[in-house]
N, C-alpha and C. Protein backbone atom coordinates (compact mmCIF):
# COMPACT_ATOMS: atom_id res chain seq x y z
N MET A 1 -10.41 194.98 -71.77
CA MET A 1 -10.09 194.57 -70.40
C MET A 1 -8.59 194.72 -70.10
N GLN A 2 -7.77 194.44 -71.13
CA GLN A 2 -6.32 194.57 -70.93
C GLN A 2 -5.95 196.00 -70.55
N GLU A 3 -6.60 196.97 -71.21
CA GLU A 3 -6.33 198.37 -70.89
C GLU A 3 -6.75 198.69 -69.46
N ARG A 4 -7.86 198.13 -69.02
CA ARG A 4 -8.32 198.37 -67.66
C ARG A 4 -7.39 197.74 -66.63
N LEU A 5 -6.87 196.57 -66.96
CA LEU A 5 -5.91 195.92 -66.06
C LEU A 5 -4.64 196.76 -65.92
N LEU A 6 -4.19 197.32 -67.03
CA LEU A 6 -3.00 198.17 -66.99
C LEU A 6 -3.26 199.42 -66.16
N CYS A 7 -4.45 199.99 -66.31
CA CYS A 7 -4.81 201.17 -65.52
C CYS A 7 -4.84 200.83 -64.04
N ALA A 8 -5.37 199.65 -63.71
CA ALA A 8 -5.43 199.22 -62.31
C ALA A 8 -4.03 199.03 -61.74
N ALA A 9 -3.15 198.42 -62.55
CA ALA A 9 -1.77 198.22 -62.10
C ALA A 9 -1.07 199.54 -61.89
N ASP A 10 -1.32 200.49 -62.79
CA ASP A 10 -0.72 201.82 -62.66
C ASP A 10 -1.19 202.50 -61.38
N THR A 11 -2.49 202.39 -61.08
CA THR A 11 -3.02 202.99 -59.85
C THR A 11 -2.38 202.36 -58.62
N ALA A 12 -2.23 201.04 -58.65
CA ALA A 12 -1.61 200.36 -57.51
C ALA A 12 -0.19 200.85 -57.27
N LEU A 13 0.59 200.95 -58.33
CA LEU A 13 1.98 201.40 -58.20
C LEU A 13 2.05 202.84 -57.70
N ARG A 14 1.20 203.71 -58.25
CA ARG A 14 1.22 205.12 -57.84
C ARG A 14 0.74 205.28 -56.40
N THR A 15 -0.25 204.48 -56.00
CA THR A 15 -0.79 204.57 -54.65
C THR A 15 0.22 204.11 -53.61
N LEU A 16 0.91 203.01 -53.92
CA LEU A 16 1.77 202.38 -52.92
C LEU A 16 3.21 202.87 -52.92
N PHE A 17 3.70 203.35 -54.07
CA PHE A 17 5.13 203.63 -54.15
C PHE A 17 5.49 205.04 -54.61
N ALA A 18 4.54 205.82 -55.04
CA ALA A 18 4.83 207.18 -55.49
C ALA A 18 4.29 208.19 -54.48
N THR A 19 4.83 209.39 -54.52
CA THR A 19 4.30 210.46 -53.68
C THR A 19 3.01 210.96 -54.31
N PRO A 20 1.88 210.85 -53.60
CA PRO A 20 0.60 211.24 -54.19
C PRO A 20 0.52 212.74 -54.43
N ARG A 21 -0.13 213.12 -55.53
CA ARG A 21 -0.30 214.53 -55.89
C ARG A 21 -1.77 214.88 -55.87
N ALA A 22 -2.11 215.94 -55.17
CA ALA A 22 -3.51 216.34 -55.07
C ALA A 22 -3.86 217.34 -56.16
N ALA A 23 -5.06 217.17 -56.73
CA ALA A 23 -5.56 218.14 -57.70
C ALA A 23 -6.15 219.35 -56.99
N THR A 24 -6.56 219.16 -55.74
CA THR A 24 -7.14 220.23 -54.92
C THR A 24 -6.22 220.47 -53.73
N PRO A 25 -5.89 221.73 -53.43
CA PRO A 25 -5.01 222.01 -52.29
C PRO A 25 -5.58 221.48 -50.98
N SER A 26 -4.71 221.06 -50.11
CA SER A 26 -5.12 220.56 -48.80
C SER A 26 -5.81 221.65 -47.99
N PRO A 27 -6.83 221.31 -47.23
CA PRO A 27 -7.47 222.28 -46.34
C PRO A 27 -6.50 222.86 -45.31
N ALA A 28 -5.38 222.16 -45.09
CA ALA A 28 -4.40 222.63 -44.12
C ALA A 28 -3.39 223.60 -44.73
N THR A 29 -3.49 223.84 -46.04
CA THR A 29 -2.54 224.72 -46.71
C THR A 29 -2.59 226.12 -46.10
N GLY A 30 -1.40 226.64 -45.76
CA GLY A 30 -1.31 227.98 -45.21
C GLY A 30 -1.47 228.07 -43.71
N MET A 31 -1.85 226.97 -43.08
CA MET A 31 -2.01 226.97 -41.62
C MET A 31 -0.66 226.81 -40.94
N ASP A 32 -0.48 227.50 -39.83
CA ASP A 32 0.73 227.34 -39.05
C ASP A 32 0.73 225.98 -38.37
N GLU A 33 1.91 225.39 -38.28
CA GLU A 33 2.04 224.11 -37.59
C GLU A 33 1.85 224.34 -36.09
N PRO A 34 0.94 223.62 -35.45
CA PRO A 34 0.69 223.83 -34.02
C PRO A 34 1.85 223.35 -33.16
N ASP A 35 1.93 223.88 -31.98
CA ASP A 35 2.96 223.48 -31.02
C ASP A 35 2.43 222.29 -30.24
N LEU A 36 2.68 221.09 -30.76
CA LEU A 36 2.18 219.87 -30.14
C LEU A 36 3.24 219.24 -29.25
N SER A 37 2.82 218.66 -28.14
CA SER A 37 3.73 217.89 -27.32
C SER A 37 4.07 216.59 -28.07
N PRO A 38 5.13 215.89 -27.69
CA PRO A 38 5.45 214.62 -28.35
C PRO A 38 4.28 213.64 -28.33
N GLU A 39 3.57 213.61 -27.21
CA GLU A 39 2.44 212.70 -27.10
C GLU A 39 1.31 213.11 -28.04
N GLU A 40 1.05 214.41 -28.13
CA GLU A 40 -0.01 214.90 -29.02
C GLU A 40 0.37 214.66 -30.49
N LYS A 41 1.63 214.89 -30.79
CA LYS A 41 2.07 214.68 -32.17
C LYS A 41 1.93 213.20 -32.55
N LYS A 42 2.27 212.31 -31.64
CA LYS A 42 2.15 210.89 -31.90
C LYS A 42 0.68 210.50 -32.08
N LEU A 43 -0.19 211.11 -31.27
CA LEU A 43 -1.61 210.81 -31.37
C LEU A 43 -2.17 211.27 -32.71
N SER A 44 -1.86 212.49 -33.10
CA SER A 44 -2.34 213.01 -34.38
C SER A 44 -1.83 212.16 -35.53
N ALA A 45 -0.57 211.78 -35.46
CA ALA A 45 0.02 210.97 -36.53
C ALA A 45 -0.64 209.60 -36.63
N SER A 46 -0.99 209.02 -35.49
CA SER A 46 -1.60 207.69 -35.53
C SER A 46 -2.96 207.74 -36.22
N TYR A 47 -3.74 208.78 -35.94
CA TYR A 47 -5.04 208.91 -36.60
C TYR A 47 -4.86 209.24 -38.08
N MET A 48 -3.87 210.04 -38.39
CA MET A 48 -3.65 210.37 -39.80
C MET A 48 -3.15 209.15 -40.57
N ARG A 49 -2.39 208.27 -39.92
CA ARG A 49 -1.95 207.04 -40.57
C ARG A 49 -3.15 206.14 -40.86
N VAL A 50 -4.08 206.05 -39.91
CA VAL A 50 -5.30 205.27 -40.13
C VAL A 50 -6.08 205.85 -41.31
N ASN A 51 -6.19 207.17 -41.37
CA ASN A 51 -6.91 207.81 -42.47
C ASN A 51 -6.22 207.59 -43.81
N HIS A 52 -4.90 207.60 -43.78
CA HIS A 52 -4.13 207.33 -45.00
C HIS A 52 -4.40 205.91 -45.50
N VAL A 53 -4.44 204.95 -44.58
CA VAL A 53 -4.77 203.57 -44.95
C VAL A 53 -6.16 203.51 -45.58
N GLY A 54 -7.10 204.26 -45.02
CA GLY A 54 -8.44 204.28 -45.59
C GLY A 54 -8.45 204.77 -47.02
N GLU A 55 -7.58 205.73 -47.32
CA GLU A 55 -7.51 206.25 -48.69
C GLU A 55 -6.80 205.29 -49.63
N VAL A 56 -5.84 204.55 -49.12
CA VAL A 56 -5.21 203.49 -49.91
C VAL A 56 -6.28 202.46 -50.30
N CYS A 57 -7.11 202.09 -49.33
CA CYS A 57 -8.19 201.13 -49.61
C CYS A 57 -9.21 201.71 -50.58
N ALA A 58 -9.48 202.99 -50.47
CA ALA A 58 -10.43 203.63 -51.38
C ALA A 58 -9.93 203.57 -52.82
N GLN A 59 -8.63 203.80 -53.02
CA GLN A 59 -8.07 203.69 -54.36
C GLN A 59 -8.24 202.28 -54.91
N ALA A 60 -8.00 201.29 -54.07
CA ALA A 60 -8.14 199.90 -54.49
C ALA A 60 -9.60 199.58 -54.80
N LEU A 61 -10.50 200.02 -53.94
CA LEU A 61 -11.92 199.72 -54.10
C LEU A 61 -12.47 200.32 -55.40
N TYR A 62 -12.26 201.61 -55.58
CA TYR A 62 -12.81 202.27 -56.76
C TYR A 62 -12.14 201.76 -58.05
N THR A 63 -10.86 201.50 -57.99
CA THR A 63 -10.16 201.01 -59.17
C THR A 63 -10.68 199.64 -59.59
N ALA A 64 -10.88 198.76 -58.61
CA ALA A 64 -11.39 197.42 -58.90
C ALA A 64 -12.79 197.50 -59.50
N GLN A 65 -13.63 198.33 -58.90
CA GLN A 65 -15.00 198.44 -59.40
C GLN A 65 -15.05 199.04 -60.80
N ALA A 66 -14.21 200.04 -61.04
CA ALA A 66 -14.15 200.65 -62.37
C ALA A 66 -13.63 199.66 -63.41
N MET A 67 -12.76 198.77 -62.99
CA MET A 67 -12.20 197.77 -63.90
C MET A 67 -13.26 196.75 -64.33
N VAL A 68 -14.14 196.40 -63.41
CA VAL A 68 -15.09 195.31 -63.66
C VAL A 68 -16.37 195.78 -64.35
N THR A 69 -16.90 196.95 -63.97
CA THR A 69 -18.20 197.36 -64.50
C THR A 69 -18.19 197.51 -66.02
N ARG A 70 -19.33 197.19 -66.62
CA ARG A 70 -19.48 197.36 -68.06
C ARG A 70 -20.23 198.64 -68.39
N ASP A 71 -20.68 199.32 -67.36
CA ASP A 71 -21.42 200.57 -67.53
C ASP A 71 -20.42 201.73 -67.60
N GLU A 72 -20.25 202.31 -68.77
CA GLU A 72 -19.25 203.36 -68.94
C GLU A 72 -19.55 204.60 -68.09
N HIS A 73 -20.83 204.91 -67.93
CA HIS A 73 -21.20 206.06 -67.10
C HIS A 73 -20.79 205.81 -65.65
N LEU A 74 -21.08 204.60 -65.16
CA LEU A 74 -20.69 204.26 -63.79
C LEU A 74 -19.18 204.24 -63.66
N ARG A 75 -18.49 203.74 -64.67
CA ARG A 75 -17.02 203.71 -64.63
C ARG A 75 -16.46 205.12 -64.47
N GLU A 76 -17.00 206.07 -65.23
CA GLU A 76 -16.54 207.44 -65.13
C GLU A 76 -16.83 208.01 -63.74
N HIS A 77 -17.99 207.66 -63.20
CA HIS A 77 -18.36 208.11 -61.85
C HIS A 77 -17.37 207.57 -60.81
N LEU A 78 -17.01 206.31 -60.93
CA LEU A 78 -16.08 205.69 -59.99
C LEU A 78 -14.69 206.30 -60.10
N LEU A 79 -14.24 206.54 -61.32
CA LEU A 79 -12.92 207.12 -61.52
C LEU A 79 -12.86 208.56 -61.01
N GLU A 80 -13.97 209.28 -61.14
CA GLU A 80 -14.02 210.64 -60.62
C GLU A 80 -13.93 210.63 -59.10
N ALA A 81 -14.65 209.69 -58.47
CA ALA A 81 -14.57 209.57 -57.02
C ALA A 81 -13.17 209.16 -56.59
N ALA A 82 -12.54 208.30 -57.37
CA ALA A 82 -11.18 207.86 -57.05
C ALA A 82 -10.21 209.04 -57.08
N GLN A 83 -10.42 209.98 -58.00
CA GLN A 83 -9.56 211.15 -58.06
C GLN A 83 -9.71 212.01 -56.82
N GLU A 84 -10.94 212.15 -56.33
CA GLU A 84 -11.13 212.91 -55.09
C GLU A 84 -10.48 212.19 -53.92
N GLU A 85 -10.56 210.84 -53.93
CA GLU A 85 -9.90 210.09 -52.87
C GLU A 85 -8.37 210.21 -52.98
N MET A 86 -7.87 210.41 -54.20
CA MET A 86 -6.44 210.64 -54.37
C MET A 86 -6.02 211.95 -53.70
N ASP A 87 -6.90 212.94 -53.75
CA ASP A 87 -6.64 214.18 -53.01
C ASP A 87 -6.48 213.87 -51.52
N HIS A 88 -7.41 213.07 -51.00
CA HIS A 88 -7.34 212.70 -49.58
C HIS A 88 -6.04 211.95 -49.27
N LEU A 89 -5.66 211.07 -50.18
CA LEU A 89 -4.41 210.32 -49.99
C LEU A 89 -3.23 211.28 -49.89
N ALA A 90 -3.21 212.26 -50.78
CA ALA A 90 -2.11 213.24 -50.77
C ALA A 90 -2.15 214.10 -49.51
N TRP A 91 -3.34 214.52 -49.10
CA TRP A 91 -3.45 215.36 -47.90
C TRP A 91 -2.96 214.63 -46.66
N THR A 92 -3.39 213.37 -46.51
CA THR A 92 -2.98 212.61 -45.32
C THR A 92 -1.50 212.27 -45.36
N HIS A 93 -0.99 212.00 -46.56
CA HIS A 93 0.45 211.73 -46.71
C HIS A 93 1.27 212.95 -46.30
N GLN A 94 0.84 214.13 -46.76
CA GLN A 94 1.55 215.36 -46.41
C GLN A 94 1.46 215.63 -44.91
N ARG A 95 0.30 215.37 -44.34
CA ARG A 95 0.13 215.62 -42.91
C ARG A 95 1.03 214.68 -42.10
N LEU A 96 1.16 213.45 -42.53
CA LEU A 96 2.07 212.52 -41.86
C LEU A 96 3.50 213.04 -41.92
N GLN A 97 3.90 213.55 -43.08
CA GLN A 97 5.24 214.11 -43.20
C GLN A 97 5.42 215.31 -42.27
N ASP A 98 4.41 216.17 -42.21
CA ASP A 98 4.49 217.34 -41.33
C ASP A 98 4.63 216.94 -39.87
N LEU A 99 4.04 215.81 -39.53
CA LEU A 99 4.10 215.33 -38.14
C LEU A 99 5.33 214.45 -37.90
N GLY A 100 6.14 214.26 -38.94
CA GLY A 100 7.37 213.48 -38.79
C GLY A 100 7.13 211.99 -38.69
N GLU A 101 6.03 211.50 -39.30
CA GLU A 101 5.71 210.07 -39.24
C GLU A 101 5.60 209.48 -40.63
N ARG A 102 5.42 208.17 -40.69
CA ARG A 102 5.37 207.43 -41.96
C ARG A 102 4.00 206.78 -42.12
N PRO A 103 3.65 206.40 -43.35
CA PRO A 103 2.42 205.64 -43.58
C PRO A 103 2.54 204.23 -43.00
N SER A 104 1.45 203.49 -43.03
CA SER A 104 1.45 202.11 -42.55
C SER A 104 2.38 201.25 -43.40
N LEU A 105 3.12 200.39 -42.73
CA LEU A 105 4.00 199.46 -43.43
C LEU A 105 3.21 198.37 -44.15
N LEU A 106 1.94 198.23 -43.81
CA LEU A 106 1.11 197.16 -44.37
C LEU A 106 0.22 197.64 -45.51
N ASN A 107 0.52 198.81 -46.07
CA ASN A 107 -0.33 199.35 -47.13
C ASN A 107 -0.52 198.40 -48.32
N PRO A 108 0.52 197.67 -48.76
CA PRO A 108 0.29 196.71 -49.86
C PRO A 108 -0.76 195.66 -49.51
N LEU A 109 -0.77 195.22 -48.25
CA LEU A 109 -1.77 194.24 -47.82
C LEU A 109 -3.16 194.85 -47.82
N TRP A 110 -3.28 196.07 -47.30
CA TRP A 110 -4.59 196.74 -47.28
C TRP A 110 -5.10 196.96 -48.71
N PHE A 111 -4.23 197.38 -49.60
CA PHE A 111 -4.63 197.61 -50.99
C PHE A 111 -5.13 196.32 -51.63
N ALA A 112 -4.37 195.26 -51.46
CA ALA A 112 -4.74 193.98 -52.08
C ALA A 112 -6.09 193.49 -51.56
N GLY A 113 -6.30 193.58 -50.26
CA GLY A 113 -7.57 193.13 -49.69
C GLY A 113 -8.75 193.92 -50.21
N ALA A 114 -8.61 195.25 -50.25
CA ALA A 114 -9.70 196.10 -50.73
C ALA A 114 -9.96 195.87 -52.22
N PHE A 115 -8.90 195.61 -52.97
CA PHE A 115 -9.06 195.37 -54.41
C PHE A 115 -9.86 194.09 -54.65
N VAL A 116 -9.57 193.05 -53.89
CA VAL A 116 -10.30 191.78 -54.03
C VAL A 116 -11.77 191.99 -53.67
N ILE A 117 -12.02 192.69 -52.57
CA ILE A 117 -13.40 192.94 -52.14
C ILE A 117 -14.16 193.75 -53.19
N GLY A 118 -13.51 194.80 -53.70
CA GLY A 118 -14.15 195.62 -54.72
C GLY A 118 -14.46 194.83 -55.98
N THR A 119 -13.56 193.95 -56.37
CA THR A 119 -13.78 193.12 -57.56
C THR A 119 -14.97 192.19 -57.36
N VAL A 120 -15.03 191.54 -56.21
CA VAL A 120 -16.12 190.61 -55.92
C VAL A 120 -17.46 191.34 -55.90
N ALA A 121 -17.50 192.51 -55.23
CA ALA A 121 -18.74 193.27 -55.16
C ALA A 121 -19.20 193.70 -56.54
N ALA A 122 -18.27 194.13 -57.37
CA ALA A 122 -18.62 194.60 -58.71
C ALA A 122 -19.11 193.47 -59.59
N LYS A 123 -18.61 192.26 -59.39
CA LYS A 123 -19.04 191.13 -60.20
C LYS A 123 -20.46 190.69 -59.86
N VAL A 124 -20.93 191.00 -58.65
CA VAL A 124 -22.31 190.65 -58.28
C VAL A 124 -23.28 191.45 -59.14
N SER A 125 -23.14 192.77 -59.10
CA SER A 125 -23.93 193.67 -59.95
C SER A 125 -23.45 195.09 -59.69
N ASP A 126 -23.77 196.00 -60.61
CA ASP A 126 -23.38 197.39 -60.42
C ASP A 126 -24.08 197.99 -59.20
N ARG A 127 -25.33 197.63 -58.99
CA ARG A 127 -26.06 198.19 -57.84
C ARG A 127 -25.51 197.65 -56.53
N ALA A 128 -25.08 196.39 -56.52
CA ALA A 128 -24.44 195.84 -55.32
C ALA A 128 -23.10 196.53 -55.07
N SER A 129 -22.39 196.80 -56.15
CA SER A 129 -21.11 197.50 -56.06
C SER A 129 -21.31 198.89 -55.44
N LEU A 130 -22.35 199.59 -55.91
CA LEU A 130 -22.64 200.91 -55.37
C LEU A 130 -23.08 200.83 -53.91
N GLY A 131 -23.79 199.77 -53.57
CA GLY A 131 -24.18 199.58 -52.18
C GLY A 131 -22.97 199.41 -51.27
N PHE A 132 -21.97 198.71 -51.79
CA PHE A 132 -20.74 198.54 -51.02
C PHE A 132 -20.03 199.88 -50.84
N VAL A 133 -20.05 200.71 -51.90
CA VAL A 133 -19.47 202.05 -51.79
C VAL A 133 -20.19 202.85 -50.72
N GLU A 134 -21.52 202.82 -50.76
CA GLU A 134 -22.29 203.59 -49.77
C GLU A 134 -21.95 203.16 -48.34
N GLU A 135 -21.96 201.85 -48.11
CA GLU A 135 -21.70 201.36 -46.76
C GLU A 135 -20.28 201.69 -46.32
N THR A 136 -19.33 201.53 -47.23
CA THR A 136 -17.93 201.86 -46.90
C THR A 136 -17.79 203.32 -46.53
N GLU A 137 -18.37 204.20 -47.35
CA GLU A 137 -18.25 205.63 -47.09
C GLU A 137 -18.95 206.02 -45.78
N ASN A 138 -20.07 205.39 -45.49
CA ASN A 138 -20.76 205.68 -44.24
C ASN A 138 -19.91 205.27 -43.04
N GLN A 139 -19.28 204.11 -43.13
CA GLN A 139 -18.43 203.66 -42.02
C GLN A 139 -17.20 204.55 -41.87
N VAL A 140 -16.63 204.96 -43.00
CA VAL A 140 -15.48 205.86 -42.95
C VAL A 140 -15.86 207.19 -42.31
N SER A 141 -17.04 207.69 -42.67
CA SER A 141 -17.50 208.96 -42.11
C SER A 141 -17.62 208.88 -40.59
N LEU A 142 -18.10 207.75 -40.09
CA LEU A 142 -18.21 207.58 -38.63
C LEU A 142 -16.83 207.56 -37.99
N HIS A 143 -15.87 206.89 -38.64
CA HIS A 143 -14.50 206.89 -38.13
C HIS A 143 -13.93 208.31 -38.08
N LEU A 144 -14.17 209.07 -39.14
CA LEU A 144 -13.64 210.43 -39.20
C LEU A 144 -14.26 211.31 -38.13
N GLN A 145 -15.54 211.11 -37.87
CA GLN A 145 -16.19 211.88 -36.80
C GLN A 145 -15.54 211.57 -35.46
N SER A 146 -15.24 210.30 -35.21
CA SER A 146 -14.59 209.94 -33.94
C SER A 146 -13.19 210.54 -33.86
N HIS A 147 -12.50 210.65 -35.00
CA HIS A 147 -11.17 211.25 -35.00
C HIS A 147 -11.25 212.74 -34.67
N LEU A 148 -12.28 213.40 -35.16
CA LEU A 148 -12.46 214.82 -34.83
C LEU A 148 -12.66 215.01 -33.33
N GLU A 149 -13.25 214.03 -32.69
CA GLU A 149 -13.48 214.12 -31.25
C GLU A 149 -12.23 213.77 -30.45
N LEU A 150 -11.29 213.05 -31.07
CA LEU A 150 -10.12 212.56 -30.34
C LEU A 150 -8.82 213.28 -30.68
N LEU A 151 -8.75 213.94 -31.82
CA LEU A 151 -7.55 214.69 -32.18
C LEU A 151 -7.32 215.84 -31.19
N PRO A 152 -6.06 216.21 -30.96
CA PRO A 152 -5.78 217.38 -30.10
C PRO A 152 -6.56 218.59 -30.60
N ALA A 153 -7.18 219.30 -29.67
CA ALA A 153 -8.07 220.41 -30.03
C ALA A 153 -7.35 221.50 -30.82
N HIS A 154 -6.04 221.70 -30.55
CA HIS A 154 -5.32 222.78 -31.21
C HIS A 154 -4.53 222.31 -32.44
N ASP A 155 -4.75 221.05 -32.86
CA ASP A 155 -4.13 220.58 -34.11
C ASP A 155 -5.06 220.96 -35.26
N ALA A 156 -5.11 222.24 -35.56
CA ALA A 156 -6.03 222.75 -36.59
C ALA A 156 -5.78 222.16 -37.97
N PRO A 157 -4.51 221.98 -38.42
CA PRO A 157 -4.30 221.41 -39.75
C PRO A 157 -4.89 220.00 -39.90
N SER A 158 -4.65 219.14 -38.91
CA SER A 158 -5.19 217.77 -38.99
C SER A 158 -6.71 217.80 -38.96
N ARG A 159 -7.27 218.63 -38.12
CA ARG A 159 -8.72 218.71 -38.00
C ARG A 159 -9.36 219.24 -39.28
N ALA A 160 -8.70 220.17 -39.94
CA ALA A 160 -9.22 220.71 -41.20
C ALA A 160 -9.25 219.63 -42.28
N VAL A 161 -8.19 218.84 -42.34
CA VAL A 161 -8.13 217.75 -43.32
C VAL A 161 -9.23 216.73 -43.07
N VAL A 162 -9.36 216.33 -41.82
CA VAL A 162 -10.36 215.30 -41.48
C VAL A 162 -11.78 215.82 -41.73
N SER A 163 -12.03 217.08 -41.41
CA SER A 163 -13.37 217.65 -41.63
C SER A 163 -13.75 217.64 -43.10
N GLN A 164 -12.82 218.03 -43.96
CA GLN A 164 -13.11 218.05 -45.40
C GLN A 164 -13.28 216.64 -45.94
N MET A 165 -12.45 215.73 -45.47
CA MET A 165 -12.58 214.34 -45.89
C MET A 165 -13.95 213.78 -45.52
N LYS A 166 -14.40 214.08 -44.32
CA LYS A 166 -15.71 213.59 -43.86
C LYS A 166 -16.82 214.12 -44.77
N ALA A 167 -16.78 215.38 -45.11
CA ALA A 167 -17.80 215.96 -45.99
C ALA A 167 -17.78 215.28 -47.36
N ASP A 168 -16.58 215.02 -47.88
CA ASP A 168 -16.47 214.38 -49.19
C ASP A 168 -16.99 212.95 -49.16
N GLU A 169 -16.68 212.20 -48.08
CA GLU A 169 -17.12 210.81 -47.99
C GLU A 169 -18.65 210.75 -47.91
N GLU A 170 -19.25 211.67 -47.18
CA GLU A 170 -20.70 211.69 -47.08
C GLU A 170 -21.33 211.99 -48.44
N ARG A 171 -20.68 212.84 -49.21
CA ARG A 171 -21.17 213.16 -50.55
C ARG A 171 -21.05 211.95 -51.47
N HIS A 172 -19.97 211.19 -51.34
CA HIS A 172 -19.80 209.99 -52.16
C HIS A 172 -20.88 208.95 -51.82
N ALA A 173 -21.19 208.81 -50.53
CA ALA A 173 -22.24 207.87 -50.12
C ALA A 173 -23.58 208.28 -50.71
N ALA A 174 -23.90 209.57 -50.65
CA ALA A 174 -25.17 210.07 -51.19
C ALA A 174 -25.23 209.87 -52.70
N ALA A 175 -24.11 210.06 -53.38
CA ALA A 175 -24.07 209.87 -54.83
C ALA A 175 -24.31 208.41 -55.20
N ALA A 176 -23.78 207.50 -54.38
CA ALA A 176 -24.00 206.07 -54.63
C ALA A 176 -25.48 205.72 -54.49
N VAL A 177 -26.13 206.30 -53.49
CA VAL A 177 -27.57 206.07 -53.30
C VAL A 177 -28.35 206.60 -54.49
N ASP A 178 -28.01 207.79 -54.92
CA ASP A 178 -28.69 208.40 -56.07
C ASP A 178 -28.52 207.57 -57.34
N ALA A 179 -27.39 206.86 -57.43
CA ALA A 179 -27.10 206.05 -58.62
C ALA A 179 -27.76 204.68 -58.57
N GLY A 180 -28.46 204.38 -57.45
CA GLY A 180 -29.20 203.12 -57.37
C GLY A 180 -28.58 202.06 -56.50
N ALA A 181 -27.80 202.45 -55.50
CA ALA A 181 -27.14 201.47 -54.63
C ALA A 181 -28.14 200.57 -53.91
N LEU A 182 -27.81 199.28 -53.87
CA LEU A 182 -28.60 198.32 -53.09
C LEU A 182 -28.06 198.27 -51.67
N PRO A 183 -28.92 198.20 -50.66
CA PRO A 183 -28.44 198.08 -49.27
C PRO A 183 -27.59 196.83 -49.09
N VAL A 184 -26.50 196.97 -48.35
CA VAL A 184 -25.65 195.82 -48.06
C VAL A 184 -26.32 194.96 -46.99
N PRO A 185 -26.43 193.64 -47.17
CA PRO A 185 -27.06 192.78 -46.16
C PRO A 185 -26.36 192.90 -44.81
N LEU A 186 -27.12 192.72 -43.74
CA LEU A 186 -26.60 192.89 -42.38
C LEU A 186 -25.35 192.04 -42.11
N PRO A 187 -25.32 190.75 -42.46
CA PRO A 187 -24.09 189.97 -42.20
C PRO A 187 -22.87 190.59 -42.86
N ALA A 188 -23.04 191.07 -44.10
CA ALA A 188 -21.91 191.69 -44.80
C ALA A 188 -21.50 192.99 -44.12
N ARG A 189 -22.46 193.77 -43.64
CA ARG A 189 -22.13 195.02 -42.93
C ARG A 189 -21.33 194.72 -41.67
N MET A 190 -21.73 193.67 -40.96
CA MET A 190 -21.02 193.30 -39.74
C MET A 190 -19.59 192.85 -40.04
N LEU A 191 -19.42 192.08 -41.12
CA LEU A 191 -18.08 191.64 -41.52
C LEU A 191 -17.22 192.85 -41.90
N MET A 192 -17.83 193.81 -42.59
CA MET A 192 -17.10 195.02 -42.97
C MET A 192 -16.64 195.78 -41.74
N LYS A 193 -17.49 195.86 -40.73
CA LYS A 193 -17.12 196.57 -39.50
C LYS A 193 -15.99 195.86 -38.77
N ILE A 194 -16.04 194.53 -38.75
CA ILE A 194 -14.97 193.76 -38.09
C ILE A 194 -13.65 193.96 -38.83
N ALA A 195 -13.69 193.88 -40.16
CA ALA A 195 -12.47 194.07 -40.96
C ALA A 195 -11.92 195.48 -40.76
N SER A 196 -12.83 196.46 -40.72
CA SER A 196 -12.41 197.85 -40.52
C SER A 196 -11.76 198.03 -39.16
N LYS A 197 -12.30 197.36 -38.15
CA LYS A 197 -11.74 197.47 -36.80
C LYS A 197 -10.33 196.89 -36.76
N VAL A 198 -10.14 195.75 -37.38
CA VAL A 198 -8.81 195.13 -37.43
C VAL A 198 -7.83 196.06 -38.13
N MET A 199 -8.26 196.63 -39.25
CA MET A 199 -7.39 197.51 -40.02
C MET A 199 -7.01 198.75 -39.22
N THR A 200 -7.99 199.40 -38.60
CA THR A 200 -7.72 200.65 -37.90
C THR A 200 -6.84 200.44 -36.67
N VAL A 201 -7.11 199.37 -35.94
CA VAL A 201 -6.28 199.09 -34.75
C VAL A 201 -4.85 198.79 -35.16
N THR A 202 -4.68 198.01 -36.22
CA THR A 202 -3.32 197.67 -36.68
C THR A 202 -2.60 198.91 -37.24
N ALA A 203 -3.30 199.66 -38.09
CA ALA A 203 -2.68 200.83 -38.72
C ALA A 203 -2.37 201.92 -37.71
N HIS A 204 -3.06 201.93 -36.60
CA HIS A 204 -2.79 202.91 -35.55
C HIS A 204 -1.33 202.83 -35.08
N HIS A 205 -0.78 201.62 -35.15
CA HIS A 205 0.58 201.40 -34.64
C HIS A 205 1.60 201.03 -35.72
N ILE A 206 1.16 200.34 -36.77
CA ILE A 206 2.12 199.80 -37.76
C ILE A 206 1.92 200.47 -39.11
């Protein structure tokens, strides 16, 4: 357990204070930067900041669950998903830089909250933990779809990143179901949606 705690601490430090490195090139690689108006650039950056926060939370969630589970196969599955989410973190971080904006100032708070939730879910059972992953990924996918509808039509780099992220999140949700995820009870789903709404609205600006 001590080794897992150290790994979790390392992930937290790298997520919050280091420049993330992607193992897979960003879908926006090689694309020309679009000629966005100041308003369009601000809009794209706000959605990318929200997406970046989502990836910070994903690192916390998967790390917490991997720390708690006693199933080594599931632990490897969670860590593999976390690595793909690290790609997303790097892509959104780079896109924010390209747009001349910064990540959310509240990222440490978002990470801590997601880590606690992931730990609690994992302590219930592995199947409950997977159910939480499925529901989280499904909600994230819906957010990403709305971003595709709201991003400036000619911001091709941002749209490419969001499209690939959406496909990956849907795949993670399906993998959780295949691994035996239990459905999240309705009250918990509603609380997750409320928490997500608070996070997205806040991260849109801060």
